[in-house]
Protein backbone atom coordinates (compact mmCIF):
# COMPACT_ATOMS: atom_id res chain seq x y z
CA MET A 1 -11.79 -12.82 8.44
CA PHE A 2 -14.95 -11.75 6.86
CA ASP A 3 -16.02 -11.60 3.29
CA PHE A 4 -17.89 -8.40 2.57
CA ASP A 5 -20.71 -8.89 0.16
CA GLY A 6 -23.26 -11.44 1.15
CA THR A 7 -21.63 -12.19 4.46
CA LEU A 8 -20.85 -9.18 6.56
CA PHE A 9 -23.32 -7.00 4.57
CA ASP A 10 -26.44 -7.91 2.81
CA SER A 11 -25.36 -6.19 -0.31
CA GLU A 12 -25.90 -8.75 -3.20
CA TYR A 13 -29.52 -7.43 -3.73
CA LEU A 14 -28.01 -3.90 -4.34
CA HIS A 15 -25.26 -5.34 -6.75
CA HIS A 16 -28.07 -7.06 -8.65
CA GLU A 17 -30.32 -3.97 -8.95
CA ALA A 18 -27.36 -1.83 -9.76
CA TRP A 19 -26.33 -4.24 -12.73
CA LEU A 20 -29.80 -4.35 -13.97
CA GLU A 21 -29.98 -0.55 -14.20
CA ALA A 22 -26.49 -0.43 -15.75
CA VAL A 23 -27.17 -2.98 -18.57
CA GLU A 24 -30.66 -1.76 -19.32
CA PRO A 25 -29.37 0.15 -22.43
CA TRP A 26 -28.05 -3.15 -23.69
CA GLY A 27 -31.55 -4.76 -23.68
CA VAL A 28 -30.73 -7.55 -21.30
CA THR A 29 -31.86 -8.57 -17.73
CA VAL A 30 -31.05 -11.37 -15.30
CA GLY A 31 -33.46 -12.61 -12.59
CA TRP A 32 -32.34 -13.03 -9.02
CA GLU A 33 -31.78 -16.84 -9.10
CA ASP A 34 -29.70 -16.65 -12.28
CA TYR A 35 -27.72 -13.76 -10.71
CA LYS A 36 -26.95 -15.69 -7.66
CA ARG A 37 -25.95 -18.76 -9.71
CA ASN A 38 -23.70 -16.91 -12.19
CA LEU A 39 -22.49 -13.64 -10.72
CA VAL A 40 -22.11 -13.72 -6.97
CA GLY A 41 -18.52 -13.74 -5.91
CA ILE A 42 -16.99 -12.64 -9.20
CA SER A 43 -15.32 -9.42 -10.14
CA ASP A 44 -17.40 -6.44 -11.84
CA THR A 45 -15.13 -6.94 -15.01
CA ARG A 46 -16.25 -10.51 -15.24
CA ALA A 47 -19.85 -9.65 -14.47
CA CYS A 48 -19.72 -7.01 -17.24
CA GLU A 49 -18.35 -9.55 -19.67
CA PHE A 50 -21.30 -11.90 -18.81
CA PHE A 51 -23.91 -9.17 -19.55
CA LEU A 52 -22.04 -8.21 -22.74
CA ASP A 53 -22.16 -11.92 -23.94
CA LEU A 54 -25.78 -12.10 -22.98
CA ALA A 55 -26.35 -9.08 -25.07
CA GLY A 56 -24.39 -10.30 -27.95
CA ARG A 57 -22.03 -7.43 -27.78
CA PRO A 58 -18.25 -7.61 -28.11
CA ARG A 59 -16.18 -7.46 -24.88
CA THR A 60 -14.35 -4.21 -25.79
CA PRO A 61 -12.45 -2.32 -23.06
CA GLU A 62 -14.63 0.55 -23.85
CA ALA A 63 -17.95 -1.33 -23.38
CA ILE A 64 -16.54 -2.95 -20.07
CA LYS A 65 -15.54 0.48 -18.77
CA ALA A 66 -18.87 2.03 -19.58
CA GLY A 67 -20.96 -0.84 -18.12
CA ARG A 68 -18.76 -0.85 -14.87
CA ALA A 69 -19.02 2.94 -14.56
CA ARG A 70 -22.81 2.93 -14.72
CA LYS A 71 -23.08 -0.02 -12.25
CA HIS A 72 -20.60 1.69 -9.83
CA SER A 73 -22.55 4.96 -9.94
CA VAL A 74 -25.95 3.37 -8.93
CA TYR A 75 -24.32 1.12 -6.39
CA ARG A 76 -22.26 3.75 -4.52
CA ARG A 77 -25.04 6.19 -4.65
CA ARG A 78 -27.29 3.84 -2.59
CA ALA A 79 -24.78 1.75 -0.58
CA LEU A 80 -23.83 4.28 2.14
CA GLN A 81 -27.52 4.75 3.00
CA GLU A 82 -28.74 1.21 2.68
CA LEU A 83 -26.06 -1.22 3.92
CA VAL A 84 -25.87 -1.94 7.59
CA PRO A 85 -24.40 -5.00 9.30
CA HIS A 86 -26.56 -7.02 11.70
CA PRO A 87 -26.54 -5.18 15.03
CA SER A 88 -25.26 -8.20 16.92
CA VAL A 89 -22.40 -8.68 14.41
CA ALA A 90 -21.36 -5.05 14.77
CA ALA A 91 -21.53 -5.28 18.53
CA TRP A 92 -19.43 -8.50 18.55
CA ILE A 93 -16.85 -6.97 16.23
CA ARG A 94 -16.57 -3.81 18.41
CA ALA A 95 -16.47 -5.81 21.66
CA ASN A 96 -13.76 -8.33 20.50
CA CYS A 97 -11.45 -6.36 17.98
CA GLU A 98 -8.80 -5.49 20.45
CA ARG A 99 -8.05 -9.09 21.39
CA VAL A 100 -9.22 -10.84 18.27
CA PRO A 101 -7.37 -9.75 15.11
CA LEU A 102 -10.11 -9.20 12.43
CA GLY A 103 -10.00 -8.36 8.69
CA VAL A 104 -12.24 -8.15 5.67
CA VAL A 105 -11.28 -9.86 2.37
CA SER A 106 -13.33 -8.86 -0.61
CA SER A 107 -13.32 -8.99 -4.43
CA SER A 108 -15.03 -5.66 -4.61
CA ALA A 109 -13.33 -2.26 -5.23
CA ILE A 110 -12.12 -0.11 -2.36
CA PRO A 111 -14.85 2.53 -2.83
CA ASP A 112 -17.52 -0.33 -2.55
CA VAL A 113 -16.11 -1.57 0.81
CA VAL A 114 -14.15 0.93 2.90
CA PRO A 115 -16.64 3.87 2.96
CA ILE A 116 -19.31 1.39 4.20
CA LEU A 117 -17.19 0.11 7.00
CA GLU A 118 -16.32 3.64 7.97
CA ARG A 119 -19.84 4.80 8.06
CA GLN A 120 -20.86 1.82 10.19
CA GLY A 121 -18.04 2.50 12.60
CA ILE A 122 -16.20 -0.83 12.16
CA ALA A 123 -13.37 0.13 9.82
CA ASP A 124 -11.04 0.88 12.84
CA CYS A 125 -11.89 -2.61 14.22
CA MET A 126 -10.16 -4.29 11.27
CA ARG A 127 -6.45 -4.96 11.16
CA PHE A 128 -6.53 -4.98 7.42
CA VAL A 129 -9.10 -4.76 4.55
CA ILE A 130 -8.13 -6.43 1.27
CA CYS A 131 -9.88 -5.35 -1.91
CA ALA A 132 -9.79 -5.89 -5.55
CA GLU A 133 -7.04 -3.28 -6.06
CA HIS A 134 -4.64 -5.00 -3.65
CA VAL A 135 -4.19 -8.21 -5.69
CA GLU A 136 -3.53 -9.23 -9.23
CA ARG A 137 -5.85 -12.27 -8.96
CA LEU A 138 -9.23 -12.40 -7.20
CA LYS A 139 -11.23 -15.28 -5.54
CA PRO A 140 -11.31 -18.24 -6.26
CA ASP A 141 -7.57 -17.80 -6.37
CA PRO A 142 -6.20 -18.00 -2.89
CA LEU A 143 -3.98 -14.84 -3.34
CA PRO A 144 -6.39 -12.40 -1.48
CA TYR A 145 -6.37 -14.61 1.56
CA LEU A 146 -2.68 -15.24 1.38
CA LEU A 147 -2.10 -11.52 1.42
CA ALA A 148 -4.57 -11.31 4.30
CA PHE A 149 -2.45 -13.83 6.24
CA GLU A 150 0.80 -11.88 5.66
CA LYS A 151 -0.90 -8.76 7.06
CA LEU A 152 -2.28 -10.78 9.93
CA GLN A 153 1.13 -12.16 10.80
CA ALA A 154 2.53 -8.59 10.78
CA ALA A 155 -0.31 -7.51 13.25
CA SER A 156 -0.34 -10.57 15.55
CA ASP A 157 1.58 -13.58 16.67
CA ILE A 158 -0.48 -16.05 14.44
CA SER A 159 1.78 -18.11 12.30
CA ASP A 160 -0.30 -20.88 10.99
CA PRO A 161 -3.14 -20.13 8.27
CA GLY A 162 -4.94 -23.15 9.78
CA HIS A 163 -5.68 -20.92 12.81
CA CYS A 164 -7.59 -18.45 10.68
CA LEU A 165 -11.35 -18.67 10.49
CA VAL A 166 -13.02 -17.16 7.44
CA PHE A 167 -16.71 -16.45 7.20
CA GLU A 168 -17.75 -16.73 3.34
CA ASP A 169 -20.86 -17.12 1.41
CA SER A 170 -19.81 -17.79 -2.20
CA SER A 171 -18.25 -20.86 -3.68
CA ALA A 172 -15.37 -18.77 -5.08
CA GLY A 173 -14.62 -17.29 -1.59
CA VAL A 174 -14.78 -20.68 0.10
CA GLN A 175 -12.47 -22.14 -2.48
CA ALA A 176 -10.08 -19.32 -2.06
CA ALA A 177 -9.91 -19.55 1.71
CA ARG A 178 -9.56 -23.28 1.71
CA ALA A 179 -6.83 -23.21 -0.91
CA ALA A 180 -4.98 -20.76 1.52
CA GLY A 181 -5.16 -23.39 4.18
CA MET A 182 -7.74 -21.63 6.47
CA ALA A 183 -10.83 -22.98 8.17
CA VAL A 184 -13.94 -21.80 6.65
CA HIS A 185 -17.50 -21.40 7.99
CA VAL A 186 -20.01 -21.01 5.07
CA VAL A 187 -23.07 -18.77 5.57
CA ALA A 188 -25.92 -18.81 3.22
CA MET A 189 -26.77 -15.18 3.90
CA PRO A 190 -25.79 -12.35 6.22
CA ALA A 191 -28.69 -13.23 8.56
CA ASP A 192 -26.85 -16.39 9.36
CA LEU A 193 -23.62 -14.69 10.57
CA PRO A 194 -24.83 -13.86 14.09
CA SER A 195 -25.49 -17.51 14.92
CA ALA A 196 -22.18 -18.49 13.20
CA LEU A 197 -20.23 -15.95 15.30
CA GLU A 198 -22.12 -17.27 18.48
CA GLN A 199 -21.20 -20.78 17.59
CA TRP A 200 -17.47 -20.02 17.22
CA SER A 201 -17.02 -17.16 19.73
CA ALA A 202 -15.87 -19.19 22.70
CA ARG A 203 -13.43 -21.12 20.57
CA ILE A 204 -12.03 -18.01 18.87
CA CYS A 205 -11.52 -16.22 22.11
CA GLU A 206 -9.92 -19.26 23.67
CA ILE A 207 -7.34 -19.61 20.91
CA VAL A 208 -6.55 -15.98 20.87
CA GLY A 209 -6.16 -15.87 24.71
CA ARG A 210 -3.61 -18.50 24.81
């Protein structure tokens, strides 16, 4: 299973830039290091609340809706053109998807995930794609990964969450996957994913081939 933002795709910079443009009318900004420390791996609603607090504005539903809408407009306009997986990762997914059940588990919204997978030709390689709309609670709650395991069971003969390998970059994602009983390989950035896949590839294919 792959996390999307910051793992399968180098998208965090784009989320950061989209938020900066979205909250500019509120007179606040957040540097890259602070953004990584406070906002990576959380929902857009929580991120919007963070910026509202920073601006000293009330967390009204109207303000959250407006902030999210501005951010989504910027992000979705650029994402289809800018976001691409590492070529070796895309090649590995396409080469192994028929024998290795694969999926994506993200806290982002469906329009921020599925169109990118489709444009890059790997959506059909995934047995499932879990996004924010599919669950009541997001990472670090294990619910997204528990739902993913239910879908994996329906699509394969895997019956133990301990046989699932998750690639994650955020502390929230790591916590969620481990709480669901899954093995986790932590990647610092998407550029680390090719070597992580190479490290695990033989073991993955051995287990699936049994």
